[in-house]
Amino acid sequence: MRQALDKTLRNQLESTVLAAREVVETACREEIERLGVADATVPAFLNDAQRKLRNRLRAHARQLGDSLHDNGKQDCSPAGRDGLRAVAPHAVCPFSRAKQPVDV
């Protein structure tokens, strides 16, 4: 049977996990901005896989309630940004050297 962690270790683990989550959420927000999810036009530097991911993220954000405007721009609410977890639950982190699937 496993032993529970000491309280100080649990607290240290919790603070480390919270700090890591902030870093990951910031990286995800920046990646969504880089992909131009809220923009009307597709950034020219995106490859085919990135364009498909952008389209899936835009579609999923609309399913979560984000609106698509007549000019092609799309709202990008926090709920829509959280859609990244639903669209790519085991995405390969673009910042990882190992290129292993990670939960986002």
N, C-alpha and C. Protein backbone atom coordinates (compact mmCIF):
# COMPACT_ATOMS: atom_id res chain seq x y z
N MET A 1 0.83 -1.18 0.00
CA MET A 1 0.00 0.00 0.00
C MET A 1 0.88 1.25 0.00
N ARG A 2 0.48 2.22 -0.76
CA ARG A 2 1.25 3.46 -0.85
C ARG A 2 1.05 4.31 0.39
N GLN A 3 2.11 5.01 0.75
CA GLN A 3 2.02 5.94 1.86
C GLN A 3 1.71 7.33 1.32
N ALA A 4 0.93 8.08 2.06
CA ALA A 4 0.62 9.46 1.68
C ALA A 4 1.87 10.32 1.82
N LEU A 5 1.97 11.32 0.98
CA LEU A 5 3.09 12.26 1.08
C LEU A 5 2.97 13.08 2.36
N ASP A 6 4.10 13.47 2.86
CA ASP A 6 4.14 14.39 3.99
C ASP A 6 3.46 15.71 3.59
N LYS A 7 2.89 16.39 4.56
CA LYS A 7 2.13 17.62 4.28
C LYS A 7 3.00 18.66 3.56
N THR A 8 4.24 18.82 3.96
CA THR A 8 5.10 19.81 3.30
C THR A 8 5.35 19.43 1.84
N LEU A 9 5.52 18.13 1.58
CA LEU A 9 5.71 17.68 0.21
C LEU A 9 4.44 17.85 -0.62
N ARG A 10 3.28 17.60 -0.01
CA ARG A 10 2.01 17.82 -0.72
C ARG A 10 1.84 19.29 -1.09
N ASN A 11 2.16 20.17 -0.14
CA ASN A 11 2.05 21.60 -0.40
C ASN A 11 3.02 22.04 -1.50
N GLN A 12 4.23 21.50 -1.46
CA GLN A 12 5.22 21.82 -2.49
C GLN A 12 4.76 21.31 -3.85
N LEU A 13 4.22 20.10 -3.88
CA LEU A 13 3.70 19.54 -5.14
C LEU A 13 2.56 20.39 -5.66
N GLU A 14 1.65 20.80 -4.79
CA GLU A 14 0.51 21.62 -5.22
C GLU A 14 0.98 22.94 -5.81
N SER A 15 1.92 23.61 -5.16
CA SER A 15 2.39 24.90 -5.67
C SER A 15 3.13 24.73 -6.99
N THR A 16 3.87 23.63 -7.14
CA THR A 16 4.58 23.37 -8.39
C THR A 16 3.59 23.10 -9.53
N VAL A 17 2.55 22.34 -9.25
CA VAL A 17 1.53 22.04 -10.26
C VAL A 17 0.81 23.31 -10.66
N LEU A 18 0.46 24.16 -9.71
CA LEU A 18 -0.23 25.41 -10.03
C LEU A 18 0.65 26.33 -10.87
N ALA A 19 1.93 26.41 -10.54
CA ALA A 19 2.85 27.24 -11.32
C ALA A 19 3.00 26.69 -12.74
N ALA A 20 3.10 25.37 -12.85
CA ALA A 20 3.23 24.75 -14.17
C ALA A 20 1.97 24.98 -15.00
N ARG A 21 0.81 24.91 -14.35
CA ARG A 21 -0.44 25.14 -15.07
C ARG A 21 -0.49 26.56 -15.64
N GLU A 22 -0.04 27.54 -14.86
CA GLU A 22 -0.01 28.91 -15.36
C GLU A 22 0.87 29.03 -16.59
N VAL A 23 2.03 28.39 -16.56
CA VAL A 23 2.95 28.43 -17.70
C VAL A 23 2.30 27.79 -18.93
N VAL A 24 1.66 26.64 -18.74
CA VAL A 24 1.02 25.94 -19.86
C VAL A 24 -0.14 26.75 -20.42
N GLU A 25 -0.96 27.34 -19.55
CA GLU A 25 -2.08 28.14 -20.02
C GLU A 25 -1.61 29.37 -20.79
N THR A 26 -0.54 29.99 -20.34
CA THR A 26 0.03 31.14 -21.06
C THR A 26 0.53 30.69 -22.43
N ALA A 27 1.23 29.56 -22.47
CA ALA A 27 1.74 29.05 -23.74
C ALA A 27 0.60 28.71 -24.69
N CYS A 28 -0.48 28.13 -24.17
CA CYS A 28 -1.64 27.80 -25.01
C CYS A 28 -2.30 29.05 -25.55
N ARG A 29 -2.47 30.07 -24.69
CA ARG A 29 -3.06 31.34 -25.14
C ARG A 29 -2.22 31.95 -26.27
N GLU A 30 -0.90 31.94 -26.08
CA GLU A 30 -0.01 32.51 -27.10
C GLU A 30 -0.08 31.71 -28.39
N GLU A 31 -0.18 30.40 -28.29
CA GLU A 31 -0.27 29.57 -29.49
C GLU A 31 -1.59 29.81 -30.23
N ILE A 32 -2.68 29.97 -29.49
CA ILE A 32 -3.97 30.26 -30.11
C ILE A 32 -3.91 31.61 -30.82
N GLU A 33 -3.24 32.59 -30.21
CA GLU A 33 -3.07 33.89 -30.87
C GLU A 33 -2.20 33.75 -32.10
N ARG A 34 -1.12 32.95 -32.01
CA ARG A 34 -0.22 32.76 -33.15
C ARG A 34 -0.94 32.09 -34.31
N LEU A 35 -1.84 31.15 -33.99
CA LEU A 35 -2.61 30.47 -35.03
C LEU A 35 -3.68 31.37 -35.64
N GLY A 36 -3.94 32.51 -35.02
CA GLY A 36 -4.92 33.45 -35.56
C GLY A 36 -6.35 32.95 -35.45
N VAL A 37 -6.67 32.26 -34.37
CA VAL A 37 -8.00 31.68 -34.21
C VAL A 37 -9.08 32.75 -34.25
N ALA A 38 -8.83 33.91 -33.67
CA ALA A 38 -9.84 34.98 -33.64
C ALA A 38 -9.79 35.86 -34.88
N ASP A 39 -8.76 35.74 -35.70
CA ASP A 39 -8.58 36.61 -36.87
C ASP A 39 -9.43 36.16 -38.05
N ALA A 40 -9.76 37.11 -38.89
CA ALA A 40 -10.58 36.82 -40.07
C ALA A 40 -9.79 36.06 -41.14
N THR A 41 -8.52 36.36 -41.26
CA THR A 41 -7.71 35.72 -42.29
C THR A 41 -6.70 34.76 -41.66
N VAL A 42 -6.36 33.75 -42.41
CA VAL A 42 -5.38 32.75 -41.95
C VAL A 42 -3.98 33.35 -42.11
N PRO A 43 -3.15 33.30 -41.07
CA PRO A 43 -1.77 33.78 -41.22
C PRO A 43 -1.06 32.99 -42.32
N ALA A 44 -0.31 33.70 -43.14
CA ALA A 44 0.33 33.09 -44.30
C ALA A 44 1.39 32.06 -43.92
N PHE A 45 1.96 32.15 -42.73
CA PHE A 45 3.06 31.25 -42.35
C PHE A 45 2.59 29.90 -41.84
N LEU A 46 1.29 29.67 -41.72
CA LEU A 46 0.79 28.39 -41.21
C LEU A 46 0.89 27.31 -42.27
N ASN A 47 1.30 26.11 -41.86
CA ASN A 47 1.32 24.98 -42.78
C ASN A 47 -0.07 24.33 -42.78
N ASP A 48 -0.25 23.29 -43.57
CA ASP A 48 -1.57 22.67 -43.71
C ASP A 48 -2.10 22.12 -42.38
N ALA A 49 -1.25 21.46 -41.62
CA ALA A 49 -1.69 20.90 -40.33
C ALA A 49 -2.12 22.01 -39.37
N GLN A 50 -1.38 23.10 -39.36
CA GLN A 50 -1.73 24.22 -38.49
C GLN A 50 -3.02 24.89 -38.94
N ARG A 51 -3.24 24.96 -40.25
CA ARG A 51 -4.50 25.53 -40.77
C ARG A 51 -5.69 24.66 -40.36
N LYS A 52 -5.52 23.35 -40.45
CA LYS A 52 -6.60 22.44 -40.04
C LYS A 52 -6.89 22.58 -38.55
N LEU A 53 -5.83 22.66 -37.73
CA LEU A 53 -6.02 22.84 -36.30
C LEU A 53 -6.72 24.17 -36.03
N ARG A 54 -6.33 25.23 -36.72
CA ARG A 54 -6.97 26.53 -36.56
C ARG A 54 -8.46 26.44 -36.87
N ASN A 55 -8.80 25.77 -37.97
CA ASN A 55 -10.21 25.63 -38.34
C ASN A 55 -10.98 24.82 -37.30
N ARG A 56 -10.37 23.75 -36.79
CA ARG A 56 -11.03 22.95 -35.76
C ARG A 56 -11.23 23.75 -34.48
N LEU A 57 -10.23 24.54 -34.10
CA LEU A 57 -10.36 25.37 -32.91
C LEU A 57 -11.46 26.42 -33.08
N ARG A 58 -11.53 27.03 -34.28
CA ARG A 58 -12.58 28.03 -34.54
C ARG A 58 -13.95 27.37 -34.48
N ALA A 59 -14.09 26.20 -35.09
CA ALA A 59 -15.38 25.51 -35.08
C ALA A 59 -15.78 25.11 -33.67
N HIS A 60 -14.83 24.62 -32.92
CA HIS A 60 -15.14 24.20 -31.55
C HIS A 60 -15.49 25.41 -30.67
N ALA A 61 -14.80 26.51 -30.87
CA ALA A 61 -15.11 27.72 -30.10
C ALA A 61 -16.53 28.19 -30.40
N ARG A 62 -16.96 28.07 -31.66
CA ARG A 62 -18.34 28.44 -32.00
C ARG A 62 -19.33 27.50 -31.33
N GLN A 63 -18.98 26.21 -31.23
CA GLN A 63 -19.86 25.27 -30.54
C GLN A 63 -19.98 25.62 -29.06
N LEU A 64 -18.93 26.21 -28.50
CA LEU A 64 -18.95 26.60 -27.10
C LEU A 64 -19.60 27.96 -26.88
N GLY A 65 -20.03 28.61 -27.97
CA GLY A 65 -20.77 29.87 -27.82
C GLY A 65 -20.08 31.10 -28.36
N ASP A 66 -18.87 31.00 -28.86
CA ASP A 66 -18.22 32.16 -29.46
C ASP A 66 -18.91 32.49 -30.77
N SER A 67 -19.02 33.78 -31.07
CA SER A 67 -19.75 34.17 -32.28
C SER A 67 -18.79 34.53 -33.40
N LEU A 68 -19.22 34.22 -34.62
CA LEU A 68 -18.48 34.55 -35.82
C LEU A 68 -19.13 35.80 -36.40
N HIS A 69 -18.35 36.86 -36.58
CA HIS A 69 -18.87 38.13 -37.06
C HIS A 69 -18.90 38.16 -38.60
N ASP A 70 -19.64 39.10 -39.13
CA ASP A 70 -19.76 39.22 -40.58
C ASP A 70 -18.42 39.48 -41.27
N ASN A 71 -17.50 40.13 -40.57
CA ASN A 71 -16.20 40.43 -41.17
C ASN A 71 -15.23 39.26 -41.09
N GLY A 72 -15.67 38.12 -40.55
CA GLY A 72 -14.84 36.93 -40.47
C GLY A 72 -14.11 36.77 -39.15
N LYS A 73 -14.08 37.84 -38.36
CA LYS A 73 -13.44 37.72 -37.05
C LYS A 73 -14.33 36.91 -36.13
N GLN A 74 -13.71 36.33 -35.14
CA GLN A 74 -14.44 35.47 -34.20
C GLN A 74 -14.09 35.87 -32.79
N ASP A 75 -15.11 35.89 -31.92
CA ASP A 75 -14.83 36.12 -30.51
C ASP A 75 -14.00 34.96 -30.00
N CYS A 76 -13.15 35.25 -29.05
CA CYS A 76 -12.33 34.19 -28.46
C CYS A 76 -12.45 34.31 -26.95
N SER A 77 -13.57 33.82 -26.43
CA SER A 77 -13.83 33.90 -25.00
C SER A 77 -12.99 32.87 -24.26
N PRO A 78 -12.89 33.02 -22.94
CA PRO A 78 -12.15 32.01 -22.18
C PRO A 78 -12.70 30.60 -22.38
N ALA A 79 -14.00 30.46 -22.55
CA ALA A 79 -14.57 29.13 -22.79
C ALA A 79 -14.08 28.58 -24.13
N GLY A 80 -13.98 29.44 -25.13
CA GLY A 80 -13.48 29.00 -26.43
C GLY A 80 -12.01 28.61 -26.37
N ARG A 81 -11.23 29.38 -25.60
CA ARG A 81 -9.82 29.04 -25.47
C ARG A 81 -9.66 27.71 -24.74
N ASP A 82 -10.55 27.42 -23.81
CA ASP A 82 -10.49 26.14 -23.12
C ASP A 82 -10.83 25.00 -24.06
N GLY A 83 -11.40 25.32 -25.20
CA GLY A 83 -11.71 24.31 -26.21
C GLY A 83 -10.48 23.59 -26.71
N LEU A 84 -9.32 24.20 -26.50
CA LEU A 84 -8.08 23.53 -26.90
C LEU A 84 -7.98 22.17 -26.23
N ARG A 85 -8.41 22.09 -24.99
CA ARG A 85 -8.36 20.82 -24.27
C ARG A 85 -9.27 19.79 -24.92
N ALA A 86 -10.39 20.23 -25.47
CA ALA A 86 -11.34 19.30 -26.07
C ALA A 86 -10.91 18.91 -27.49
N VAL A 87 -10.34 19.86 -28.22
CA VAL A 87 -9.95 19.59 -29.61
C VAL A 87 -8.69 18.74 -29.66
N ALA A 88 -7.73 19.05 -28.80
CA ALA A 88 -6.46 18.34 -28.84
C ALA A 88 -6.08 17.84 -27.45
N PRO A 89 -6.81 16.85 -26.92
CA PRO A 89 -6.54 16.42 -25.56
C PRO A 89 -5.18 15.76 -25.38
N HIS A 90 -4.60 15.26 -26.43
CA HIS A 90 -3.27 14.63 -26.33
C HIS A 90 -2.37 15.21 -27.41
N ALA A 91 -2.30 16.52 -27.45
CA ALA A 91 -1.50 17.20 -28.46
C ALA A 91 -0.02 17.04 -28.16
N VAL A 92 0.79 17.16 -29.19
CA VAL A 92 2.23 17.20 -28.99
C VAL A 92 2.58 18.64 -28.67
N CYS A 93 3.16 18.83 -27.50
CA CYS A 93 3.49 20.18 -27.07
C CYS A 93 4.55 20.77 -27.99
N PRO A 94 4.29 21.94 -28.59
CA PRO A 94 5.26 22.50 -29.52
C PRO A 94 6.55 22.94 -28.84
N PHE A 95 6.55 23.03 -27.50
CA PHE A 95 7.72 23.50 -26.78
C PHE A 95 8.55 22.36 -26.22
N SER A 96 8.08 21.13 -26.42
CA SER A 96 8.77 19.97 -25.86
C SER A 96 9.84 19.48 -26.83
N ARG A 97 11.02 19.21 -26.31
CA ARG A 97 12.09 18.66 -27.14
C ARG A 97 11.82 17.19 -27.44
N ALA A 98 11.15 16.51 -26.53
CA ALA A 98 10.91 15.07 -26.69
C ALA A 98 9.79 14.79 -27.67
N LYS A 99 8.95 15.75 -27.94
CA LYS A 99 7.82 15.60 -28.86
C LYS A 99 6.90 14.45 -28.46
N GLN A 100 6.70 14.32 -27.16
CA GLN A 100 5.81 13.30 -26.63
C GLN A 100 4.43 13.90 -26.44
N PRO A 101 3.38 13.10 -26.62
CA PRO A 101 2.03 13.62 -26.37
C PRO A 101 1.87 14.02 -24.91
N VAL A 102 1.21 15.16 -24.71
CA VAL A 102 0.94 15.64 -23.36
C VAL A 102 -0.53 16.01 -23.25
N ASP A 103 -1.07 15.93 -22.06
CA ASP A 103 -2.42 16.39 -21.83
C ASP A 103 -2.39 17.91 -21.74
N VAL A 104 -3.33 18.55 -22.44
CA VAL A 104 -3.42 20.02 -22.36
C VAL A 104 -4.73 20.41 -21.74
